[in-house]
């Protein structure tokens, strides 16, 4: 099976890993600001709780790591909710600490620095690792944008050191923060 190279990739492998760490660090700050009483409530008109959305930000790179280390990035894996011990935003952010460290550890041992020589297994087919890493960055980043928006608009909380469009530069980010947002 021929694997097409990514069409949107303008960042290097090291730049993607750096962006991912910045996104996950931002997620940790913002998730710690979420009201605990809101974590088990659905987000806006979605069938997903706020806690699940927050947790999902870290499940995405956890799934990437599984694929990058010889496993597979499965849809069921990404859909996994919070572990029972994740009761507060701080608990979810601590899970993020583990994921960030695991990404750093993987990166130090990864011989394919540009992530272009390695093919990984995903639920959407075998893909070049670069493509999956880039998708991991913008996918987590999109949910971070949603958490920032929820903090401001739904909870009237100013995000701690908010990420900006400049922080996401180079990633093929969706134009809208929510798919049903008016244009």
Foldseek 3Di string as FASTA:
>chain_A
DDADDDPQFPDFLVVLLVLLLVLLVLLLQLLQVDDLVQQQPCDDPDPHGNQQLSLLLLLLLVLLLCFVVPHENEPVSSNDGDDPVPRGSNSSSVVSVVSNVSSVVCQVVDPPSRQQPDWTHYNVGIHRSNVSSLCSSQVSNLSSVVSQCCCCPVVVHHRDPDDDVVSCPSHPHDPDSDPPDDD
